[in-house]
């Protein structure tokens, strides 16, 4: 290799051009100066011999000093960084691609050069002279994109379970050790709520269960020789628990039951009844001397979609900490359930057949655990529910229905039966049709019970029937059979013969739909009613009255 600039691999410009631009260090220029005396040509014209190296490549490399620091853009050079008279400008050569060429193994200027480091021998400019060789890294060293997965969500749920719930069942160490490659999982003291035998293969359901199970309790209610079990959801760390009225009253048989509550980690508490809401079959109890419990996290049930994942947690048949999965099968469903605790008020109820189900018989009933459903129920309640195919069995009543983030979307309340619903002999297990009270309704009702001991419900002030059952009907809906004087319906302009097809934007296909939606709102709520009159659609704004307390 020649020890001249023109033969160095860093500069692949023609010699004459490089010299003309002043890119070659002054100490190695071979072009004669402008005032130099011309040298006479040789007597004979012979081919020029190739240049002979005056020293070895190793000696040449050793002669180069460490790289000098180039001045920053716009900064005047210092005394130790002189500028050559023919120094190229940025405008002439373009902007250098790398301000620190020595970082890539390229040489700096020699000690005798007048061109600052990073110009003649630095990275190539963006002009017409090309670029420096590019070093290709081995493929194994190139960072590869990660595949998208649910691992982040699972990890977050497990960590939340460990931090909030003390890692009940999984152990506080599990989320921080076993999941991240630790060799040993921790064993939680007391009964194990969630068992994980293979920490390297934890799915989303296990992660949600780890978060939710500490917030769900098993409730035992007894009155004399009668008794039953159900589930409940913890609302506060000091022991407020939400469940069903039929769980704590044995379906209205007793208003003074003895309540015992067992948490997921095996603690047992006595509990007192705070208040019930028979209209929507909800109740709140308070555990005695409780502290440091794990409250459930609420979700917005109005944002659910059909097909969303669901997980039911409760104690079917007294089997605590049972977890089942499914999807949201239907929204804005309304069901009618026989209840001995139901209020006797019949306003806003249908006349004659009940919701088109014939002779008052309904395929829906409360999912009693280890007790028996009363055969004396003569009243029914009409409630708006979430339908799910997550397995809900007798004893799941009052338990949690949660989304894939472990947030509460509903309180499990009833199941459908393929047999008779009028007696306990017809009670069956899961057939893929279960129902939960939406969290938005449950949250409002439970807070009112805690604050006031009871909850309020809207009253439309009209008696309605299924529109499809009326002779000459052309559409489904709630047919207004009678308007109560001074009621909300009359004040809003509704009349006998109107067919209500929507309530606050929710489709109404039967009298049960309308009653359930009206009852879901608090007394005094504003609502928009869409109806048909004489084949023309219209809307009315109503301010709901208050359903009398039972």
Protein backbone atom coordinates (compact mmCIF):
# COMPACT_ATOMS: atom_id res chain seq x y z
CA UNK A 1 0.00 0.00 0.00
CA UNK A 2 1.28 3.47 -0.85
CA UNK A 3 1.70 5.98 1.96
CA UNK A 4 0.09 8.64 -0.19
CA UNK A 5 -3.39 10.01 0.26
CA UNK A 6 -4.52 9.07 -3.22
CA UNK A 7 -4.10 5.36 -2.59
CA UNK A 8 -5.94 5.20 0.74
CA UNK A 9 -9.27 3.37 0.61
CA UNK A 10 -11.03 6.21 2.48
CA UNK A 11 -10.71 8.55 -0.52
CA UNK A 12 -11.83 7.09 -3.83
CA UNK A 13 -11.79 10.37 -5.76
CA UNK A 14 -9.41 10.91 -8.75
CA UNK A 15 -6.08 12.35 -7.70
CA UNK A 16 -6.42 15.48 -9.72
CA UNK A 17 -9.88 16.22 -8.40
CA UNK A 18 -8.99 15.54 -4.76
CA UNK A 19 -6.03 17.84 -4.99
CA UNK A 20 -8.05 20.53 -6.74
CA UNK A 21 -10.55 20.56 -3.90
CA UNK A 22 -7.90 20.77 -1.23
CA UNK A 23 -8.94 17.51 0.35
CA UNK A 24 -5.41 16.11 0.40
CA UNK A 25 -3.20 17.08 3.35
CA UNK A 26 -0.67 19.75 2.43
CA UNK A 27 2.32 17.68 3.50
CA UNK A 28 1.53 15.04 0.87
CA UNK A 29 0.44 17.18 -2.08
CA UNK A 30 2.13 16.19 -5.35
CA UNK A 31 0.61 18.97 -7.49
CA UNK A 32 3.16 21.80 -8.04
CA UNK A 33 2.44 25.14 -6.45
CA UNK A 34 1.25 27.98 -8.67
CA UNK A 35 4.61 29.91 -8.45
CA UNK A 36 6.88 26.92 -8.65
CA UNK A 37 9.53 26.70 -11.44
CA UNK A 38 8.52 24.11 -14.04
CA UNK A 39 10.67 21.02 -14.12
CA UNK A 40 12.12 20.16 -17.50
CA UNK A 41 10.82 16.95 -19.03
CA UNK A 42 13.07 13.94 -19.22
CA UNK A 43 15.16 13.48 -22.30
CA UNK A 44 13.37 10.31 -23.22
CA UNK A 45 9.68 9.73 -22.93
CA UNK A 46 9.40 6.68 -20.75
CA UNK A 47 6.42 5.36 -18.82
CA UNK A 48 6.18 6.68 -15.27
CA UNK A 49 7.23 4.13 -12.68
CA UNK A 50 4.68 3.37 -9.95
CA UNK A 51 5.31 5.09 -6.65
CA UNK A 52 7.47 3.14 -4.25
CA UNK A 53 6.48 3.08 -0.59
CA UNK A 54 8.99 4.78 1.62
CA UNK A 55 7.84 2.86 4.66
CA UNK A 56 5.76 -0.11 5.63
CA UNK A 57 1.98 0.18 6.20
CA UNK A 58 2.51 -0.48 9.90
CA UNK A 59 5.02 2.38 10.18
CA UNK A 60 2.67 4.63 8.23
CA UNK A 61 -0.22 3.87 10.54
CA UNK A 62 1.94 4.51 13.60
CA UNK A 63 2.77 7.98 12.32
CA UNK A 64 -0.87 9.10 12.65
CA UNK A 65 -1.69 10.75 15.99
CA UNK A 66 -4.94 10.25 17.91
CA UNK A 67 -7.89 12.00 16.27
CA UNK A 68 -8.38 15.67 17.04
CA UNK A 69 -11.73 17.02 18.16
CA UNK A 70 -13.45 18.79 15.28
CA UNK A 71 -15.08 22.12 16.12
CA UNK A 72 -18.85 22.11 16.51
CA UNK A 73 -21.02 23.46 13.75
CA UNK A 74 -20.88 27.24 13.69
CA UNK A 75 -17.99 27.36 16.21
CA UNK A 76 -14.73 29.08 15.35
CA UNK A 77 -11.69 26.79 15.30
CA UNK A 78 -9.23 27.06 18.12
CA UNK A 79 -5.51 27.50 17.86
CA UNK A 80 -5.00 23.75 18.01
CA UNK A 81 -7.45 23.27 15.16
CA UNK A 82 -6.19 25.49 12.29
CA UNK A 83 -8.16 25.75 9.09
CA UNK A 84 -6.30 25.11 5.83
CA UNK A 85 -6.43 27.86 3.22
CA UNK A 86 -8.22 25.50 0.83
CA UNK A 87 -10.51 23.89 3.42
CA UNK A 88 -13.75 22.73 1.78
CA UNK A 89 -16.94 24.28 3.07
CA UNK A 90 -20.12 22.51 4.07
CA UNK A 91 -21.95 24.18 1.22
CA UNK A 92 -19.45 22.73 -1.26
CA UNK A 93 -19.24 19.17 -0.01
CA UNK A 94 -22.62 18.75 1.71
CA UNK A 95 -23.29 17.83 5.30
CA UNK A 96 -21.07 15.10 6.74
CA UNK A 97 -22.98 11.93 7.59
CA UNK A 98 -21.17 11.34 10.87
CA UNK A 99 -19.57 14.00 13.09
CA UNK A 100 -17.22 11.46 14.70
CA UNK A 101 -15.60 9.39 11.95
CA UNK A 102 -12.98 7.89 14.23
CA UNK A 103 -15.72 6.09 16.03
CA UNK A 104 -16.09 3.87 12.94
CA UNK A 105 -12.42 3.03 12.66
CA UNK A 106 -11.50 5.61 10.00
CA UNK A 107 -8.23 7.51 10.37
CA UNK A 108 -7.91 11.14 11.36
CA UNK A 109 -5.62 13.70 9.78
CA UNK A 110 -1.86 13.33 10.33
CA UNK A 111 -0.11 15.59 12.75
CA UNK A 112 1.25 17.78 10.00
CA UNK A 113 -2.00 18.19 8.10
CA UNK A 114 -3.78 21.50 7.91
CA UNK A 115 -7.20 20.00 7.29
CA UNK A 116 -9.27 19.40 10.45
CA UNK A 117 -10.13 15.85 11.37
CA UNK A 118 -13.34 14.60 9.87
CA UNK A 119 -13.01 16.48 6.57
CA UNK A 120 -10.66 14.80 4.11
CA UNK A 121 -10.55 11.44 5.84
CA UNK A 122 -13.87 11.50 7.69
CA UNK A 123 -17.24 10.17 6.52
CA UNK A 124 -18.16 10.90 2.96
CA UNK A 125 -20.16 13.99 2.21
CA UNK A 126 -23.60 13.82 0.72
CA UNK A 127 -22.23 15.40 -2.46
CA UNK A 128 -20.94 13.71 -5.61
CA UNK A 129 -18.10 11.69 -4.16
CA UNK A 130 -19.93 8.62 -2.91
CA UNK A 131 -19.94 7.10 0.54
CA UNK A 132 -17.64 5.13 2.77
CA UNK A 133 -17.83 1.36 2.93
CA UNK A 134 -20.65 0.15 5.15
CA UNK A 135 -19.97 -2.42 7.83
CA UNK A 136 -22.69 -5.10 7.80
CA UNK A 137 -23.40 -6.54 11.24
CA UNK A 138 -24.01 -10.26 11.62
CA UNK A 139 -27.71 -11.12 11.49
CA UNK A 140 -27.60 -12.57 14.98
CA UNK A 141 -26.67 -9.17 16.39
CA UNK A 142 -29.58 -7.30 14.83
CA UNK A 143 -32.47 -6.72 17.22
CA UNK A 144 -35.55 -8.52 15.97
CA UNK A 145 -39.08 -7.23 16.62
CA UNK A 146 -41.05 -8.91 19.36
CA UNK A 147 -44.21 -10.75 18.56
CA UNK A 148 -47.38 -9.27 19.97
CA UNK A 149 -48.97 -11.34 22.70
CA UNK A 150 -51.13 -11.13 25.77
CA UNK A 151 -48.12 -11.59 28.02
CA UNK A 152 -48.07 -7.94 29.10
CA UNK A 153 -51.71 -8.03 30.19
CA UNK A 154 -51.24 -11.36 31.99
CA UNK A 155 -48.19 -10.05 33.81
CA UNK A 156 -50.02 -6.87 34.81
CA UNK A 157 -52.96 -8.84 36.17
CA UNK A 158 -50.72 -11.15 38.15
CA UNK A 159 -48.76 -8.26 39.62
CA UNK A 160 -52.02 -6.50 40.50
CA UNK A 161 -53.23 -9.66 42.19
CA UNK A 162 -50.04 -9.93 44.22
CA UNK A 163 -49.95 -6.27 45.25
CA UNK A 164 -53.64 -5.69 45.90
CA UNK A 165 -54.75 -9.07 47.12
CA UNK A 166 -51.58 -10.18 48.80
CA UNK A 167 -51.18 -12.83 46.12
CA UNK A 168 -53.96 -14.90 47.60
CA UNK A 169 -53.67 -18.41 46.28
CA UNK A 170 -50.69 -17.58 44.10
CA UNK A 171 -48.56 -16.13 46.85
CA UNK A 172 -46.96 -12.70 46.73
CA UNK A 173 -43.70 -14.25 45.57
CA UNK A 174 -45.25 -16.11 42.67
CA UNK A 175 -46.00 -13.06 40.54
CA UNK A 176 -42.53 -11.62 41.12
CA UNK A 177 -40.47 -14.83 41.08
CA UNK A 178 -42.01 -17.83 39.41
CA UNK A 179 -43.42 -15.93 36.46
CA UNK A 180 -40.10 -14.27 35.75
CA UNK A 181 -37.97 -17.39 35.84
CA UNK A 182 -37.62 -18.14 39.54
CA UNK A 183 -37.27 -21.81 40.37
CA UNK A 184 -39.66 -21.96 43.29
CA UNK A 185 -43.23 -20.67 43.64
CA UNK A 186 -44.39 -19.49 47.03
CA UNK A 187 -47.06 -21.25 49.04
CA UNK A 188 -49.74 -19.00 50.47
CA UNK A 189 -50.69 -19.55 54.08
CA UNK A 190 -54.15 -20.97 54.61
CA UNK A 191 -56.30 -22.58 51.92
CA UNK A 192 -55.03 -22.15 48.39
CA UNK A 193 -57.49 -20.14 46.30
CA UNK A 194 -55.83 -20.49 42.89
CA UNK A 195 -53.55 -23.42 42.12
CA UNK A 196 -50.82 -22.99 39.52
CA UNK A 197 -48.77 -26.12 38.93
CA UNK A 198 -46.91 -24.83 35.87
CA UNK A 199 -45.84 -21.18 36.35
CA UNK A 200 -44.30 -21.13 32.87
CA UNK A 201 -47.70 -21.64 31.22
CA UNK A 202 -50.10 -19.22 32.91
CA UNK A 203 -52.93 -18.02 30.68
CA UNK A 204 -55.11 -14.93 30.91
CA UNK A 205 -57.92 -16.69 32.78
CA UNK A 206 -55.58 -17.76 35.56
CA UNK A 207 -54.27 -14.20 35.81
CA UNK A 208 -57.79 -12.75 36.02
CA UNK A 209 -58.77 -15.37 38.60
CA UNK A 210 -55.75 -14.48 40.72
CA UNK A 211 -56.92 -10.87 40.76
CA UNK A 212 -60.65 -11.47 41.28
CA UNK A 213 -60.92 -14.45 43.62
CA UNK A 214 -59.74 -12.48 46.70
CA UNK A 215 -62.69 -10.12 46.10
CA UNK A 216 -65.36 -12.85 46.08
CA UNK A 217 -66.77 -14.50 49.20
CA UNK A 218 -69.02 -17.45 50.05
CA UNK A 219 -72.17 -16.63 52.03
CA UNK A 220 -74.10 -19.03 54.23
CA UNK A 221 -77.58 -17.98 55.40
CA UNK A 222 -79.65 -19.87 57.96
CA UNK A 223 -83.03 -19.32 59.60
CA UNK A 224 -84.27 -22.06 61.90
CA UNK A 225 -84.04 -25.30 59.99
CA UNK A 226 -83.75 -23.60 56.61
CA UNK A 227 -80.51 -22.59 55.00
CA UNK A 228 -78.74 -21.90 51.74
CA UNK A 229 -75.48 -20.70 50.25
CA UNK A 230 -74.54 -18.09 47.75
CA UNK A 231 -71.75 -15.74 46.79
CA UNK A 232 -70.88 -12.10 47.30
CA UNK A 233 -68.52 -9.39 46.05
CA UNK A 234 -66.38 -7.25 48.36
CA UNK A 235 -67.03 -3.51 47.92
CA UNK A 236 -64.71 -2.07 50.57
CA UNK A 237 -61.67 -3.08 52.57
CA UNK A 238 -63.65 -2.81 55.81
CA UNK A 239 -66.26 -5.40 54.82
CA UNK A 240 -69.18 -4.10 52.75
CA UNK A 241 -70.30 -6.96 50.49
CA UNK A 242 -72.80 -6.93 47.60
CA UNK A 243 -74.96 -9.99 46.95
CA UNK A 244 -78.56 -10.93 46.05
CA UNK A 245 -81.65 -10.39 48.16
CA UNK A 246 -82.72 -13.98 47.60
CA UNK A 247 -79.39 -15.20 49.05
CA UNK A 248 -79.62 -13.33 52.37
CA UNK A 249 -83.40 -13.73 52.84
CA UNK A 250 -83.72 -17.32 51.63
CA UNK A 251 -85.96 -15.98 48.86
CA UNK A 252 -88.01 -13.88 51.20
CA UNK A 253 -88.62 -16.59 53.78
CA UNK A 254 -86.80 -14.68 56.49
CA UNK A 255 -85.78 -11.09 57.07
CA UNK A 256 -83.59 -12.07 60.00
CA UNK A 257 -81.22 -14.75 58.81
CA UNK A 258 -77.91 -15.62 60.42
CA UNK A 259 -75.13 -14.82 57.98
CA UNK A 260 -71.65 -16.32 57.90
CA UNK A 261 -69.12 -15.23 55.30
CA UNK A 262 -65.93 -17.03 54.26
CA UNK A 263 -63.23 -15.24 52.28
CA UNK A 264 -61.11 -16.87 49.60
CA UNK A 265 -58.18 -17.32 51.99
CA UNK A 266 -60.26 -19.10 54.62
CA UNK A 267 -61.19 -16.33 57.06
CA UNK A 268 -64.71 -16.55 58.50
CA UNK A 269 -66.78 -13.54 59.53
CA UNK A 270 -70.20 -12.98 60.97
CA UNK A 271 -72.19 -10.43 58.98
CA UNK A 272 -75.16 -8.12 59.42
CA UNK A 273 -77.70 -7.10 56.81
CA UNK A 274 -77.37 -3.46 55.74
CA UNK A 275 -80.34 -3.39 53.38
CA UNK A 276 -82.09 -5.20 50.57
CA UNK A 277 -83.51 -4.16 47.21
CA UNK A 278 -86.10 -6.79 46.20
CA UNK A 279 -86.99 -4.89 43.02
CA UNK A 280 -83.62 -5.72 41.47
CA UNK A 281 -82.74 -8.58 43.83
CA UNK A 282 -79.68 -6.88 45.30
CA UNK A 283 -78.55 -6.63 48.92
CA UNK A 284 -75.61 -5.32 50.93
CA UNK A 285 -74.21 -6.93 54.07
CA UNK A 286 -71.38 -5.81 56.37
CA UNK A 287 -68.75 -8.14 57.77
CA UNK A 288 -68.03 -7.63 61.45
CA UNK A 289 -64.51 -6.62 62.55
CA UNK A 290 -63.14 -6.94 59.02
CA UNK A 291 -60.17 -5.05 57.61
CA UNK A 292 -57.64 -5.24 54.79
CA UNK A 293 -60.06 -6.96 52.42
CA UNK A 294 -59.69 -6.68 48.65
CA UNK A 295 -62.47 -4.66 46.97
CA UNK A 296 -63.58 -5.52 43.47
CA UNK A 297 -62.82 -3.05 40.66
CA UNK A 298 -65.87 -1.73 38.80
CA UNK A 299 -66.20 -1.73 35.00
CA UNK A 300 -68.59 0.27 32.83
CA UNK A 301 -71.18 -2.28 31.68
CA UNK A 302 -72.59 0.19 29.13
CA UNK A 303 -69.44 -0.28 27.04
CA UNK A 304 -69.80 -4.06 26.68
CA UNK A 305 -70.16 -5.77 23.32
CA UNK A 306 -71.71 -9.10 22.48
CA UNK A 307 -68.82 -11.55 22.22
CA UNK A 308 -66.68 -9.95 24.94
CA UNK A 309 -64.95 -12.46 27.19
CA UNK A 310 -66.49 -13.10 30.60
CA UNK A 311 -65.35 -14.93 33.72
CA UNK A 312 -67.74 -15.95 36.49
CA UNK A 313 -66.40 -16.39 40.02
CA UNK A 314 -68.42 -17.74 42.93
CA UNK A 315 -69.38 -20.77 45.00
CA UNK A 316 -71.74 -23.05 43.06
CA UNK A 317 -73.08 -25.77 45.38
CA UNK A 318 -70.84 -24.33 48.08
CA UNK A 319 -67.66 -24.97 46.04
CA UNK A 320 -65.76 -21.79 46.87
CA UNK A 321 -63.39 -20.05 44.45
CA UNK A 322 -64.88 -21.66 41.36
CA UNK A 323 -63.94 -20.00 38.06
CA UNK A 324 -65.77 -20.47 34.74
CA UNK A 325 -65.39 -18.69 31.41
CA UNK A 326 -67.56 -17.65 28.49
CA UNK A 327 -68.67 -14.63 26.50
CA UNK A 328 -71.36 -11.98 26.57
CA UNK A 329 -74.17 -13.82 24.78
CA UNK A 330 -76.65 -10.91 24.71
CA UNK A 331 -77.08 -7.39 26.05
CA UNK A 332 -80.20 -5.47 27.08
CA UNK A 333 -81.94 -8.75 27.81
CA UNK A 334 -84.88 -8.60 30.22
CA UNK A 335 -86.13 -11.50 32.31
CA UNK A 336 -88.98 -12.07 34.72
CA UNK A 337 -88.23 -14.12 37.83
CA UNK A 338 -90.59 -15.37 40.53
CA UNK A 339 -89.62 -13.92 43.90
CA UNK A 340 -91.22 -14.26 47.32
CA UNK A 341 -89.51 -10.99 48.30
CA UNK A 342 -90.86 -9.07 45.30
CA UNK A 343 -92.77 -5.86 46.02
CA UNK A 344 -96.54 -6.05 45.57
CA UNK A 345 -96.82 -2.85 43.51
CA UNK A 346 -98.17 -3.61 40.04
CA UNK A 347 -97.66 -0.23 38.34
CA UNK A 348 -95.85 -0.35 35.02
CA UNK A 349 -96.55 -4.08 34.87
CA UNK A 350 -98.23 -5.99 32.11
CA UNK A 351 -101.83 -7.04 32.25
CA UNK A 352 -102.93 -10.59 31.44
CA UNK A 353 -100.05 -12.72 30.19
CA UNK A 354 -96.63 -11.91 31.60
CA UNK A 355 -94.17 -10.85 28.95
CA UNK A 356 -95.60 -13.30 26.47
CA UNK A 357 -94.43 -16.26 28.54
CA UNK A 358 -97.91 -17.62 29.12
CA UNK A 359 -99.78 -18.05 32.40
CA UNK A 360 -97.05 -16.34 34.36
CA UNK A 361 -94.65 -19.29 33.95
CA UNK A 362 -91.04 -18.30 33.38
CA UNK A 363 -88.06 -20.47 32.47
CA UNK A 364 -85.82 -18.28 34.65
CA UNK A 365 -85.20 -18.77 38.35
CA UNK A 366 -82.76 -17.85 41.08
CA UNK A 367 -79.78 -20.16 41.33
CA UNK A 368 -80.07 -21.35 44.90
CA UNK A 369 -77.00 -23.08 46.24
CA UNK A 370 -77.56 -25.68 48.89
CA UNK A 371 -81.09 -24.60 49.71
CA UNK A 372 -84.43 -24.91 47.96
CA UNK A 373 -86.38 -22.34 46.04
CA UNK A 374 -89.66 -21.37 47.67
CA UNK A 375 -92.77 -22.73 45.97
CA UNK A 376 -94.93 -19.98 47.47
CA UNK A 377 -93.77 -17.13 45.20
CA UNK A 378 -96.74 -15.32 43.68
CA UNK A 379 -94.96 -12.14 42.56
CA UNK A 380 -92.29 -11.58 39.95
CA UNK A 381 -89.57 -9.06 39.35
CA UNK A 382 -88.50 -7.79 35.93
CA UNK A 383 -84.83 -6.99 35.57
CA UNK A 384 -82.46 -6.01 32.77
CA UNK A 385 -79.54 -8.43 32.58
CA UNK A 386 -76.40 -9.47 30.76
CA UNK A 387 -76.75 -12.92 29.24
CA UNK A 388 -73.64 -15.09 29.32
CA UNK A 389 -72.71 -18.66 28.55
CA UNK A 390 -70.10 -18.72 31.34
CA UNK A 391 -71.22 -21.60 33.55
CA UNK A 392 -73.46 -20.25 36.32
CA UNK A 393 -74.83 -22.89 38.65
CA UNK A 394 -76.87 -22.92 41.89
CA UNK A 395 -74.78 -21.01 44.43
CA UNK A 396 -73.21 -18.57 41.96
CA UNK A 397 -75.89 -16.02 42.93
CA UNK A 398 -74.33 -12.78 44.14
CA UNK A 399 -70.95 -13.68 42.69
CA UNK A 400 -68.90 -11.75 40.16
CA UNK A 401 -69.04 -11.67 36.41
CA UNK A 402 -65.88 -9.91 35.24
CA UNK A 403 -64.25 -8.90 31.97
CA UNK A 404 -60.83 -9.93 30.69
CA UNK A 405 -59.20 -7.28 32.87
CA UNK A 406 -60.77 -8.63 36.04
CA UNK A 407 -63.22 -5.73 36.41
CA UNK A 408 -66.78 -6.28 37.58
CA UNK A 409 -69.35 -6.14 34.79
CA UNK A 410 -72.21 -7.91 36.55
CA UNK A 411 -73.65 -9.63 39.63
CA UNK A 412 -74.77 -13.18 38.84
CA UNK A 413 -78.45 -13.56 39.64
CA UNK A 414 -80.32 -16.26 37.74
CA UNK A 415 -80.15 -19.20 35.35
CA UNK A 416 -82.45 -20.71 32.78
CA UNK A 417 -83.91 -24.15 33.24
CA UNK A 418 -84.91 -26.64 30.58
CA UNK A 419 -87.53 -28.07 32.96
CA UNK A 420 -90.20 -26.69 35.25
CA UNK A 421 -89.28 -23.51 37.12
CA UNK A 422 -92.14 -23.55 39.59
CA UNK A 423 -90.55 -25.93 42.03
CA UNK A 424 -87.13 -26.92 43.23
CA UNK A 425 -87.54 -30.31 41.62
CA UNK A 426 -87.19 -28.64 38.26
CA UNK A 427 -83.95 -26.87 39.18
CA UNK A 428 -81.03 -27.83 37.00
CA UNK A 429 -77.47 -26.82 36.50
CA UNK A 430 -75.85 -24.81 33.77
CA UNK A 431 -77.31 -25.14 30.29
CA UNK A 432 -75.33 -22.25 28.83
CA UNK A 433 -77.87 -19.53 29.64
CA UNK A 434 -77.02 -17.44 32.70
CA UNK A 435 -77.84 -13.89 33.72
CA UNK A 436 -76.09 -11.09 35.59
CA UNK A 437 -77.28 -7.68 36.75
CA UNK A 438 -75.18 -5.07 34.90
CA UNK A 439 -72.53 -3.35 37.01
CA UNK A 440 -73.90 0.13 36.26
CA UNK A 441 -77.21 -0.80 37.93
CA UNK A 442 -75.57 -2.76 40.74
CA UNK A 443 -73.20 0.08 41.55
CA UNK A 444 -75.99 2.65 41.87
CA UNK A 445 -78.25 0.41 43.93
CA UNK A 446 -75.50 -0.78 46.28
CA UNK A 447 -74.30 2.75 46.97
CA UNK A 448 -77.84 3.90 47.77
CA UNK A 449 -78.27 0.97 50.15
CA UNK A 450 -75.01 1.80 51.93
CA UNK A 451 -75.96 5.48 52.16
CA UNK A 452 -79.68 5.18 52.93
CA UNK A 453 -80.47 1.54 53.74
CA UNK A 454 -82.56 1.20 50.56
CA UNK A 455 -82.57 2.16 46.87
CA UNK A 456 -85.06 4.01 44.69
CA UNK A 457 -86.50 2.99 41.32
CA UNK A 458 -88.23 4.86 38.55
CA UNK A 459 -91.97 4.73 37.89
CA UNK A 460 -93.48 5.52 34.48
CA UNK A 461 -97.11 5.58 35.59
CA UNK A 462 -98.63 3.32 32.97
CA UNK A 463 -99.91 -0.22 32.62
CA UNK A 464 -98.48 -1.93 29.55
CA UNK A 465 -98.90 -5.13 27.58
CA UNK A 466 -96.97 -6.88 24.85
CA UNK A 467 -97.82 -5.06 21.64
CA UNK A 468 -97.52 -8.30 19.68
CA UNK A 469 -100.43 -9.74 21.68
CA UNK A 470 -102.81 -6.95 20.64
CA UNK A 471 -105.16 -7.74 17.80
CA UNK A 472 -104.02 -6.18 14.56
CA UNK A 473 -100.49 -5.57 15.86
CA UNK A 474 -97.86 -4.79 13.23
CA UNK A 475 -94.81 -4.38 15.49
CA UNK A 476 -93.34 -5.47 18.79
CA UNK A 477 -93.10 -3.16 21.75
CA UNK A 478 -94.93 -2.19 24.94
CA UNK A 479 -98.57 -1.29 24.34
CA UNK A 480 -99.87 1.40 26.70
CA UNK A 481 -103.11 -0.03 28.08
CA UNK A 482 -103.67 2.64 30.71
CA UNK A 483 -102.06 5.91 31.76
CA UNK A 484 -102.01 6.86 35.44
CA UNK A 485 -103.37 10.33 36.13
CA UNK A 486 -100.59 12.69 37.15
CA UNK A 487 -97.90 10.14 36.37
CA UNK A 488 -94.74 10.57 34.35
CA UNK A 489 -96.26 9.04 31.22
CA UNK A 490 -99.20 11.41 31.18
CA UNK A 491 -96.99 14.41 31.91
CA UNK A 492 -94.78 13.41 28.99
CA UNK A 493 -97.74 13.24 26.60
CA UNK A 494 -98.13 9.47 26.29
CA UNK A 495 -101.63 8.15 25.66
CA UNK A 496 -103.52 4.88 25.76
CA UNK A 497 -102.88 2.97 22.55
CA UNK A 498 -99.29 4.20 22.07
CA UNK A 499 -96.71 1.51 21.39
CA UNK A 500 -93.36 2.21 23.09
CA UNK A 501 -90.48 0.89 20.98
CA UNK A 502 -87.42 2.43 22.68
CA UNK A 503 -86.48 3.65 26.12
CA UNK A 504 -83.35 5.82 26.34
CA UNK A 505 -82.25 4.37 23.01
CA UNK A 506 -82.61 0.74 24.14
CA UNK A 507 -85.01 -1.34 22.03
CA UNK A 508 -88.27 -2.34 23.73
CA UNK A 509 -89.83 -5.52 22.37
CA UNK A 510 -92.17 -6.40 25.23
CA UNK A 511 -93.74 -5.10 28.39
CA UNK A 512 -91.02 -6.81 30.43
CA UNK A 513 -88.33 -4.89 28.53
CA UNK A 514 -89.96 -1.56 29.36
CA UNK A 515 -90.57 -2.31 33.03
CA UNK A 516 -87.02 -3.61 33.51
CA UNK A 517 -85.46 -0.51 31.96
CA UNK A 518 -87.67 1.88 33.95
CA UNK A 519 -86.86 0.11 37.22
CA UNK A 520 -83.13 0.23 36.45
CA UNK A 521 -83.15 4.03 36.83
CA UNK A 522 -83.39 5.97 40.05
CA UNK A 523 -86.51 7.92 40.93
CA UNK A 524 -86.51 11.38 39.33
CA UNK A 525 -84.35 10.32 36.37
CA UNK A 526 -84.91 11.88 32.97
CA UNK A 527 -85.65 9.52 30.09
CA UNK A 528 -86.47 9.62 26.39
CA UNK A 529 -89.35 7.45 25.22
CA UNK A 530 -89.80 6.59 21.54
CA UNK A 531 -93.31 5.45 20.57
CA UNK A 532 -95.68 4.86 17.66
CA UNK A 533 -99.03 6.55 17.42
CA UNK A 534 -101.23 6.04 14.39
CA UNK A 535 -98.31 4.51 12.53
CA UNK A 536 -96.09 7.58 13.08
CA UNK A 537 -93.03 7.65 15.30
CA UNK A 538 -92.60 10.30 17.99
CA UNK A 539 -90.56 10.88 21.14
CA UNK A 540 -91.43 12.10 24.61
CA UNK A 541 -89.26 13.37 27.46
CA UNK A 542 -90.36 12.07 30.84
CA UNK A 543 -89.27 12.57 34.42
CA UNK A 544 -89.78 9.29 36.22
CA UNK A 545 -91.71 9.11 39.44
CA UNK A 546 -90.71 7.00 42.43
CA UNK A 547 -91.80 3.43 42.89
CA UNK A 548 -93.37 3.00 46.34
CA UNK A 549 -91.20 1.23 48.89
CA UNK A 550 -92.25 -2.34 49.50
